[in-house]
Amino acid sequence: SRLYSRNTDASIQIGLEVLPITVGKLAGRADCILKH
């Protein structure tokens, strides 16, 4: 299972292989970094 982006950049995917996952844009604190 994964999260697939629906926006213009459809290449963004968030894998759920290893949980928990923290989503954010602060490097060092977030596991999945989304620069938006």
PDB file of all heavy atoms in Angstrom:
ATOM      1  N   SER A   1       0.819  -1.196   0.000  1.00  0.00           N
ATOM      2  CA  SER A   1       0.000   0.000   0.000  1.00  0.00           C
ATOM      3  C   SER A   1       0.862   1.259   0.000  1.00  0.00           C
ATOM      4  O   SER A   1       1.887   1.328   0.663  1.00  0.00           O
ATOM      5  CB  SER A   1      -0.928   0.014   1.214  1.00  0.00           C
ATOM      6  OG  SER A   1      -1.770  -1.125   1.227  1.00  0.00           O
ATOM      7  N   ARG A   2       0.399   2.272  -0.744  1.00  0.00           N
ATOM      8  CA  ARG A   2       1.116   3.541  -0.845  1.00  0.00           C
ATOM      9  C   ARG A   2       0.121   4.672  -1.002  1.00  0.00           C
ATOM     10  O   ARG A   2      -1.047   4.459  -1.312  1.00  0.00           O
ATOM     11  CB  ARG A   2       2.080   3.534  -2.032  1.00  0.00           C
ATOM     12  CG  ARG A   2       3.079   2.405  -2.051  1.00  0.00           C
ATOM     13  CD  ARG A   2       3.953   2.437  -3.282  1.00  0.00           C
ATOM     14  NE  ARG A   2       4.939   3.504  -3.241  1.00  0.00           N
ATOM     15  CZ  ARG A   2       6.109   3.419  -2.636  1.00  0.00           C
ATOM     16  NH1 ARG A   2       6.456   2.301  -2.047  1.00  0.00           N
ATOM     17  NH2 ARG A   2       6.947   4.443  -2.636  1.00  0.00           N
ATOM     18  N   LEU A   3       0.609   5.891  -0.781  1.00  0.00           N
ATOM     19  CA  LEU A   3      -0.145   7.095  -1.073  1.00  0.00           C
ATOM     20  C   LEU A   3       0.388   7.678  -2.375  1.00  0.00           C
ATOM     21  O   LEU A   3       1.573   7.985  -2.484  1.00  0.00           O
ATOM     22  CB  LEU A   3      -0.014   8.117   0.061  1.00  0.00           C
ATOM     23  CG  LEU A   3      -0.572   7.726   1.432  1.00  0.00           C
ATOM     24  CD1 LEU A   3      -0.373   8.863   2.433  1.00  0.00           C
ATOM     25  CD2 LEU A   3      -2.049   7.377   1.353  1.00  0.00           C
ATOM     26  N   TYR A   4      -0.500   7.832  -3.374  1.00  0.00           N
ATOM     27  CA  TYR A   4      -0.119   8.304  -4.696  1.00  0.00           C
ATOM     28  C   TYR A   4      -0.631   9.726  -4.891  1.00  0.00           C
ATOM     29  O   TYR A   4      -1.821   9.993  -4.689  1.00  0.00           O
ATOM     30  CB  TYR A   4      -0.671   7.382  -5.785  1.00  0.00           C
ATOM     31  CG  TYR A   4      -0.128   5.970  -5.730  1.00  0.00           C
ATOM     32  CD1 TYR A   4      -0.721   4.997  -4.932  1.00  0.00           C
ATOM     33  CD2 TYR A   4       0.993   5.617  -6.474  1.00  0.00           C
ATOM     34  CE1 TYR A   4      -0.229   3.710  -4.882  1.00  0.00           C
ATOM     35  CE2 TYR A   4       1.492   4.321  -6.430  1.00  0.00           C
ATOM     36  CZ  TYR A   4       0.883   3.378  -5.629  1.00  0.00           C
ATOM     37  OH  TYR A   4       1.379   2.089  -5.582  1.00  0.00           O
ATOM     38  N   SER A   5       0.261  10.623  -5.300  1.00  0.00           N
ATOM     39  CA  SER A   5      -0.097  12.022  -5.468  1.00  0.00           C
ATOM     40  C   SER A   5      -1.055  12.198  -6.643  1.00  0.00           C
ATOM     41  O   SER A   5      -0.890  11.589  -7.700  1.00  0.00           O
ATOM     42  CB  SER A   5       1.156  12.869  -5.677  1.00  0.00           C
ATOM     43  OG  SER A   5       0.821  14.203  -5.961  1.00  0.00           O
ATOM     44  N   ARG A   6      -2.034  13.065  -6.447  1.00  0.00           N
ATOM     45  CA  ARG A   6      -3.010  13.376  -7.479  1.00  0.00           C
ATOM     46  C   ARG A   6      -2.738  14.737  -8.110  1.00  0.00           C
ATOM     47  O   ARG A   6      -3.405  15.147  -9.043  1.00  0.00           O
ATOM     48  CB  ARG A   6      -4.430  13.347  -6.906  1.00  0.00           C
ATOM     49  CG  ARG A   6      -5.514  13.274  -7.949  1.00  0.00           C
ATOM     50  CD  ARG A   6      -6.866  13.481  -7.354  1.00  0.00           C
ATOM     51  NE  ARG A   6      -7.301  12.388  -6.499  1.00  0.00           N
ATOM     52  CZ  ARG A   6      -8.453  12.376  -5.853  1.00  0.00           C
ATOM     53  NH1 ARG A   6      -9.281  13.438  -5.940  1.00  0.00           N
ATOM     54  NH2 ARG A   6      -8.774  11.346  -5.072  1.00  0.00           N
ATOM     55  N   ASN A   7      -1.720  15.452  -7.607  1.00  0.00           N
ATOM     56  CA  ASN A   7      -1.422  16.795  -8.083  1.00  0.00           C
ATOM     57  C   ASN A   7      -0.571  16.765  -9.344  1.00  0.00           C
ATOM     58  O   ASN A   7      -0.375  15.719  -9.955  1.00  0.00           O
ATOM     59  CB  ASN A   7      -0.741  17.608  -6.979  1.00  0.00           C
ATOM     60  CG  ASN A   7      -1.663  17.830  -5.777  1.00  0.00           C
ATOM     61  OD1 ASN A   7      -1.911  16.921  -5.011  1.00  0.00           O
ATOM     62  ND2 ASN A   7      -2.165  19.043  -5.646  1.00  0.00           N
ATOM     63  N   THR A   8      -0.081  17.926  -9.717  1.00  0.00           N
ATOM     64  CA  THR A   8       0.675  18.034 -10.966  1.00  0.00           C
ATOM     65  C   THR A   8       1.890  17.123 -10.966  1.00  0.00           C
ATOM     66  O   THR A   8       2.205  16.520 -11.981  1.00  0.00           O
ATOM     67  CB  THR A   8       1.120  19.489 -11.181  1.00  0.00           C
ATOM     68  OG1 THR A   8       1.834  19.946 -10.021  1.00  0.00           O
ATOM     69  CG2 THR A   8      -0.079  20.383 -11.408  1.00  0.00           C
ATOM     70  N   ASP A   9       2.569  17.031  -9.832  1.00  0.00           N
ATOM     71  CA  ASP A   9       3.709  16.134  -9.725  1.00  0.00           C
ATOM     72  C   ASP A   9       3.211  14.775  -9.255  1.00  0.00           C
ATOM     73  O   ASP A   9       3.192  14.473  -8.070  1.00  0.00           O
ATOM     74  CB  ASP A   9       4.751  16.693  -8.751  1.00  0.00           C
ATOM     75  CG  ASP A   9       6.057  15.889  -8.778  1.00  0.00           C
ATOM     76  OD1 ASP A   9       6.129  14.914  -9.559  1.00  0.00           O
ATOM     77  OD2 ASP A   9       6.984  16.228  -8.035  1.00  0.00           O
ATOM     78  N   ALA A  10       2.784  13.978 -10.209  1.00  0.00           N
ATOM     79  CA  ALA A  10       2.220  12.674  -9.878  1.00  0.00           C
ATOM     80  C   ALA A  10       3.268  11.661  -9.448  1.00  0.00           C
ATOM     81  O   ALA A  10       2.930  10.548  -9.066  1.00  0.00           O
ATOM     82  CB  ALA A  10       1.437  12.130 -11.081  1.00  0.00           C
ATOM     83  N   SER A  11       4.526  12.040  -9.526  1.00  0.00           N
ATOM     84  CA  SER A  11       5.586  11.112  -9.148  1.00  0.00           C
ATOM     85  C   SER A  11       5.742  10.977  -7.642  1.00  0.00           C
ATOM     86  O   SER A  11       6.425  10.073  -7.166  1.00  0.00           O
ATOM     87  CB  SER A  11       6.920  11.542  -9.761  1.00  0.00           C
ATOM     88  OG  SER A  11       7.301  12.826  -9.273  1.00  0.00           O
ATOM     89  N   ILE A  12       5.144  11.878  -6.868  1.00  0.00           N
ATOM     90  CA  ILE A  12       5.266  11.823  -5.413  1.00  0.00           C
ATOM     91  C   ILE A  12       4.472  10.637  -4.887  1.00  0.00           C
ATOM     92  O   ILE A  12       3.270  10.515  -5.130  1.00  0.00           O
ATOM     93  CB  ILE A  12       4.770  13.127  -4.765  1.00  0.00           C
ATOM     94  CG1 ILE A  12       5.595  14.320  -5.249  1.00  0.00           C
ATOM     95  CG2 ILE A  12       4.844  13.027  -3.246  1.00  0.00           C
ATOM     96  CD1 ILE A  12       5.117  15.644  -4.706  1.00  0.00           C
ATOM     97  N   GLN A  13       5.152   9.768  -4.168  1.00  0.00           N
ATOM     98  CA  GLN A  13       4.539   8.611  -3.543  1.00  0.00           C
ATOM     99  C   GLN A  13       5.048   8.482  -2.116  1.00  0.00           C
ATOM    100  O   GLN A  13       6.206   8.751  -1.836  1.00  0.00           O
ATOM    101  CB  GLN A  13       4.838   7.326  -4.324  1.00  0.00           C
ATOM    102  CG  GLN A  13       4.301   7.308  -5.750  1.00  0.00           C
ATOM    103  CD  GLN A  13       4.616   6.013  -6.467  1.00  0.00           C
ATOM    104  OE1 GLN A  13       5.038   5.026  -5.855  1.00  0.00           O
ATOM    105  NE2 GLN A  13       4.417   5.995  -7.779  1.00  0.00           N
ATOM    106  N   ILE A  14       4.180   8.076  -1.228  1.00  0.00           N
ATOM    107  CA  ILE A  14       4.542   7.858   0.166  1.00  0.00           C
ATOM    108  C   ILE A  14       4.343   6.379   0.473  1.00  0.00           C
ATOM    109  O   ILE A  14       3.213   5.881   0.510  1.00  0.00           O
ATOM    110  CB  ILE A  14       3.696   8.727   1.114  1.00  0.00           C
ATOM    111  CG1 ILE A  14       3.874  10.213   0.769  1.00  0.00           C
ATOM    112  CG2 ILE A  14       4.081   8.473   2.556  1.00  0.00           C
ATOM    113  CD1 ILE A  14       3.004  11.136   1.600  1.00  0.00           C
ATOM    114  N   GLY A  15       5.439   5.677   0.655  1.00  0.00           N
ATOM    115  CA  GLY A  15       5.366   4.261   0.971  1.00  0.00           C
ATOM    116  C   GLY A  15       5.003   4.027   2.426  1.00  0.00           C
ATOM    117  O   GLY A  15       5.368   4.803   3.315  1.00  0.00           O
ATOM    118  N   LEU A  16       4.271   2.953   2.662  1.00  0.00           N
ATOM    119  CA  LEU A  16       3.835   2.593   4.012  1.00  0.00           C
ATOM    120  C   LEU A  16       4.510   1.313   4.487  1.00  0.00           C
ATOM    121  O   LEU A  16       3.952   0.568   5.289  1.00  0.00           O
ATOM    122  CB  LEU A  16       2.305   2.436   4.045  1.00  0.00           C
ATOM    123  CG  LEU A  16       1.492   3.628   3.547  1.00  0.00           C
ATOM    124  CD1 LEU A  16       0.004   3.343   3.642  1.00  0.00           C
ATOM    125  CD2 LEU A  16       1.828   4.892   4.329  1.00  0.00           C
ATOM    126  N   GLU A  17       5.710   1.068   3.965  1.00  0.00           N
ATOM    127  CA  GLU A  17       6.419  -0.145   4.349  1.00  0.00           C
ATOM    128  C   GLU A  17       6.850  -0.115   5.810  1.00  0.00           C
ATOM    129  O   GLU A  17       6.778  -1.115   6.507  1.00  0.00           O
ATOM    130  CB  GLU A  17       7.653  -0.355   3.466  1.00  0.00           C
ATOM    131  CG  GLU A  17       7.350  -0.664   2.016  1.00  0.00           C
ATOM    132  CD  GLU A  17       7.113   0.577   1.188  1.00  0.00           C
ATOM    133  OE1 GLU A  17       7.215   1.694   1.756  1.00  0.00           O
ATOM    134  OE2 GLU A  17       6.826   0.455  -0.022  1.00  0.00           O
ATOM    135  N   VAL A  18       7.325   1.040   6.240  1.00  0.00           N
ATOM    136  CA  VAL A  18       7.811   1.187   7.608  1.00  0.00           C
ATOM    137  C   VAL A  18       7.014   2.283   8.292  1.00  0.00           C
ATOM    138  O   VAL A  18       7.016   3.428   7.844  1.00  0.00           O
ATOM    139  CB  VAL A  18       9.315   1.532   7.630  1.00  0.00           C
ATOM    140  CG1 VAL A  18       9.804   1.684   9.075  1.00  0.00           C
ATOM    141  CG2 VAL A  18      10.127   0.463   6.918  1.00  0.00           C
ATOM    142  N   LEU A  19       6.310   1.945   9.347  1.00  0.00           N
ATOM    143  CA  LEU A  19       5.501   2.890  10.096  1.00  0.00           C
ATOM    144  C   LEU A  19       5.999   2.964  11.531  1.00  0.00           C
ATOM    145  O   LEU A  19       6.562   2.006  12.045  1.00  0.00           O
ATOM    146  CB  LEU A  19       4.030   2.472  10.065  1.00  0.00           C
ATOM    147  CG  LEU A  19       3.351   2.490   8.696  1.00  0.00           C
ATOM    148  CD1 LEU A  19       1.915   2.010   8.798  1.00  0.00           C
ATOM    149  CD2 LEU A  19       3.400   3.879   8.070  1.00  0.00           C
ATOM    150  N   PRO A  20       5.822   4.127  12.199  1.00  0.00           N
ATOM    151  CA  PRO A  20       5.125   5.333  11.771  1.00  0.00           C
ATOM    152  C   PRO A  20       5.970   6.211  10.858  1.00  0.00           C
ATOM    153  O   PRO A  20       7.194   6.127  10.842  1.00  0.00           O
ATOM    154  CB  PRO A  20       4.819   6.031  13.101  1.00  0.00           C
ATOM    155  CG  PRO A  20       5.938   5.607  13.989  1.00  0.00           C
ATOM    156  CD  PRO A  20       6.256   4.193  13.612  1.00  0.00           C
ATOM    157  N   ILE A  21       5.268   7.107  10.121  1.00  0.00           N
ATOM    158  CA  ILE A  21       5.894   8.065   9.215  1.00  0.00           C
ATOM    159  C   ILE A  21       5.400   9.460   9.581  1.00  0.00           C
ATOM    160  O   ILE A  21       4.196   9.676   9.709  1.00  0.00           O
ATOM    161  CB  ILE A  21       5.563   7.758   7.744  1.00  0.00           C
ATOM    162  CG1 ILE A  21       6.135   6.404   7.329  1.00  0.00           C
ATOM    163  CG2 ILE A  21       6.095   8.852   6.832  1.00  0.00           C
ATOM    164  CD1 ILE A  21       5.699   5.988   5.938  1.00  0.00           C
ATOM    165  N   THR A  22       6.318  10.386   9.743  1.00  0.00           N
ATOM    166  CA  THR A  22       5.972  11.782   9.985  1.00  0.00           C
ATOM    167  C   THR A  22       6.118  12.555   8.684  1.00  0.00           C
ATOM    168  O   THR A  22       7.171  12.521   8.052  1.00  0.00           O
ATOM    169  CB  THR A  22       6.866  12.399  11.066  1.00  0.00           C
ATOM    170  OG1 THR A  22       6.750  11.637  12.276  1.00  0.00           O
ATOM    171  CG2 THR A  22       6.454  13.840  11.339  1.00  0.00           C
ATOM    172  N   VAL A  23       5.038  13.239   8.277  1.00  0.00           N
ATOM    173  CA  VAL A  23       5.007  14.006   7.036  1.00  0.00           C
ATOM    174  C   VAL A  23       5.204  15.476   7.361  1.00  0.00           C
ATOM    175  O   VAL A  23       4.561  16.014   8.259  1.00  0.00           O
ATOM    176  CB  VAL A  23       3.682  13.786   6.285  1.00  0.00           C
ATOM    177  CG1 VAL A  23       3.653  14.595   4.999  1.00  0.00           C
ATOM    178  CG2 VAL A  23       3.472  12.310   5.984  1.00  0.00           C
ATOM    179  N   GLY A  24       6.100  16.136   6.637  1.00  0.00           N
ATOM    180  CA  GLY A  24       6.366  17.556   6.831  1.00  0.00           C
ATOM    181  C   GLY A  24       7.456  18.015   5.887  1.00  0.00           C
ATOM    182  O   GLY A  24       7.850  17.292   4.970  1.00  0.00           O
ATOM    183  N   LYS A  25       7.956  19.231   6.104  1.00  0.00           N
ATOM    184  CA  LYS A  25       9.013  19.759   5.258  1.00  0.00           C
ATOM    185  C   LYS A  25      10.262  20.140   6.043  1.00  0.00           C
ATOM    186  O   LYS A  25      11.185  20.740   5.485  1.00  0.00           O
ATOM    187  CB  LYS A  25       8.524  20.967   4.455  1.00  0.00           C
ATOM    188  CG  LYS A  25       8.087  22.164   5.274  1.00  0.00           C
ATOM    189  CD  LYS A  25       7.610  23.281   4.363  1.00  0.00           C
ATOM    190  CE  LYS A  25       7.148  24.506   5.144  1.00  0.00           C
ATOM    191  NZ  LYS A  25       6.625  25.578   4.257  1.00  0.00           N
ATOM    192  N   LEU A  26      10.323  19.791   7.330  1.00  0.00           N
ATOM    193  CA  LEU A  26      11.478  20.092   8.154  1.00  0.00           C
ATOM    194  C   LEU A  26      12.413  18.889   8.170  1.00  0.00           C
ATOM    195  O   LEU A  26      12.100  17.840   8.748  1.00  0.00           O
ATOM    196  CB  LEU A  26      11.052  20.451   9.581  1.00  0.00           C
ATOM    197  CG  LEU A  26      12.186  20.822  10.556  1.00  0.00           C
ATOM    198  CD1 LEU A  26      12.921  22.052  10.050  1.00  0.00           C
ATOM    199  CD2 LEU A  26      11.636  21.070  11.953  1.00  0.00           C
ATOM    200  N   ALA A  27      13.548  19.041   7.518  1.00  0.00           N
ATOM    201  CA  ALA A  27      14.517  17.962   7.469  1.00  0.00           C
ATOM    202  C   ALA A  27      15.060  17.667   8.860  1.00  0.00           C
ATOM    203  O   ALA A  27      15.338  18.572   9.639  1.00  0.00           O
ATOM    204  CB  ALA A  27      15.667  18.324   6.527  1.00  0.00           C
ATOM    205  N   GLY A  28      15.195  16.372   9.149  1.00  0.00           N
ATOM    206  CA  GLY A  28      15.664  15.948  10.455  1.00  0.00           C
ATOM    207  C   GLY A  28      14.545  15.605  11.402  1.00  0.00           C
ATOM    208  O   GLY A  28      14.747  14.854  12.357  1.00  0.00           O
ATOM    209  N   ARG A  29      13.364  16.153  11.162  1.00  0.00           N
ATOM    210  CA  ARG A  29      12.192  15.864  11.985  1.00  0.00           C
ATOM    211  C   ARG A  29      11.156  15.036  11.241  1.00  0.00           C
ATOM    212  O   ARG A  29      10.482  14.203  11.831  1.00  0.00           O
ATOM    213  CB  ARG A  29      11.547  17.175  12.468  1.00  0.00           C
ATOM    214  CG  ARG A  29      12.303  17.882  13.564  1.00  0.00           C
ATOM    215  CD  ARG A  29      12.092  17.198  14.896  1.00  0.00           C
ATOM    216  NE  ARG A  29      12.666  17.916  16.000  1.00  0.00           N
ATOM    217  CZ  ARG A  29      12.527  17.583  17.272  1.00  0.00           C
ATOM    218  NH1 ARG A  29      11.811  16.522  17.589  1.00  0.00           N
ATOM    219  NH2 ARG A  29      13.103  18.290  18.223  1.00  0.00           N
ATOM    220  N   ALA A  30      11.024  15.280   9.960  1.00  0.00           N
ATOM    221  CA  ALA A  30      10.038  14.580   9.143  1.00  0.00           C
ATOM    222  C   ALA A  30      10.684  13.405   8.424  1.00  0.00           C
ATOM    223  O   ALA A  30      11.812  13.512   7.940  1.00  0.00           O
ATOM    224  CB  ALA A  30       9.394  15.525   8.144  1.00  0.00           C
ATOM    225  N   ASP A  31       9.975  12.277   8.371  1.00  0.00           N
ATOM    226  CA  ASP A  31      10.451  11.106   7.640  1.00  0.00           C
ATOM    227  C   ASP A  31      10.175  11.251   6.150  1.00  0.00           C
ATOM    228  O   ASP A  31      10.987  10.857   5.324  1.00  0.00           O
ATOM    229  CB  ASP A  31       9.771   9.837   8.178  1.00  0.00           C
ATOM    230  CG  ASP A  31      10.020   9.633   9.666  1.00  0.00           C
ATOM    231  OD1 ASP A  31      11.198   9.679  10.075  1.00  0.00           O
ATOM    232  OD2 ASP A  31       9.046   9.453  10.423  1.00  0.00           O
ATOM    233  N   CYS A  32       9.004  11.795   5.816  1.00  0.00           N
ATOM    234  CA  CYS A  32       8.636  12.062   4.433  1.00  0.00           C
ATOM    235  C   CYS A  32       8.597  13.574   4.233  1.00  0.00           C
ATOM    236  O   CYS A  32       7.724  14.254   4.778  1.00  0.00           O
ATOM    237  CB  CYS A  32       7.280  11.432   4.112  1.00  0.00           C
ATOM    238  SG  CYS A  32       6.682  11.792   2.446  1.00  0.00           S
ATOM    239  N   ILE A  33       9.554  14.094   3.476  1.00  0.00           N
ATOM    240  CA  ILE A  33       9.679  15.541   3.284  1.00  0.00           C
ATOM    241  C   ILE A  33       8.934  15.953   2.018  1.00  0.00           C
ATOM    242  O   ILE A  33       9.240  15.486   0.926  1.00  0.00           O
ATOM    243  CB  ILE A  33      11.153  15.951   3.208  1.00  0.00           C
ATOM    244  CG1 ILE A  33      11.876  15.589   4.511  1.00  0.00           C
ATOM    245  CG2 ILE A  33      11.279  17.450   2.932  1.00  0.00           C
ATOM    246  CD1 ILE A  33      13.352  15.872   4.504  1.00  0.00           C
ATOM    247  N   LEU A  34       7.953  16.846   2.183  1.00  0.00           N
ATOM    248  CA  LEU A  34       7.188  17.404   1.071  1.00  0.00           C
ATOM    249  C   LEU A  34       7.490  18.898   0.982  1.00  0.00           C
ATOM    250  O   LEU A  34       7.047  19.677   1.827  1.00  0.00           O
ATOM    251  CB  LEU A  34       5.688  17.159   1.263  1.00  0.00           C
ATOM    252  CG  LEU A  34       5.217  15.693   1.359  1.00  0.00           C
ATOM    253  CD1 LEU A  34       3.721  15.631   1.621  1.00  0.00           C
ATOM    254  CD2 LEU A  34       5.564  14.926   0.100  1.00  0.00           C
ATOM    255  N   LYS A  35       8.276  19.288  -0.011  1.00  0.00           N
ATOM    256  CA  LYS A  35       8.647  20.681  -0.204  1.00  0.00           C
ATOM    257  C   LYS A  35       7.520  21.414  -0.913  1.00  0.00           C
ATOM    258  O   LYS A  35       7.484  21.531  -2.130  1.00  0.00           O
ATOM    259  CB  LYS A  35       9.946  20.774  -1.000  1.00  0.00           C
ATOM    260  CG  LYS A  35      11.157  20.192  -0.299  1.00  0.00           C
ATOM    261  CD  LYS A  35      11.545  21.021   0.929  1.00  0.00           C
ATOM    262  CE  LYS A  35      12.831  20.503   1.563  1.00  0.00           C
ATOM    263  NZ  LYS A  35      13.230  21.320   2.741  1.00  0.00           N
ATOM    264  N   HIS A  36       6.541  21.889  -0.118  1.00  0.00           N
ATOM    265  CA  HIS A  36       5.406  22.621  -0.673  1.00  0.00           C
ATOM    266  C   HIS A  36       4.990  23.693   0.321  1.00  0.00           C
ATOM    267  O   HIS A  36       5.097  23.513   1.537  1.00  0.00           O
ATOM    268  CB  HIS A  36       4.240  21.665  -0.952  1.00  0.00           C
ATOM    269  CG  HIS A  36       3.179  22.249  -1.831  1.00  0.00           C
ATOM    270  ND1 HIS A  36       2.108  22.939  -1.327  1.00  0.00           N
ATOM    271  CD2 HIS A  36       3.041  22.257  -3.180  1.00  0.00           C
ATOM    272  CE1 HIS A  36       1.334  23.344  -2.339  1.00  0.00           C
ATOM    273  NE2 HIS A  36       1.883  22.934  -3.466  1.00  0.00           N
TER     274      HIS A  36
END
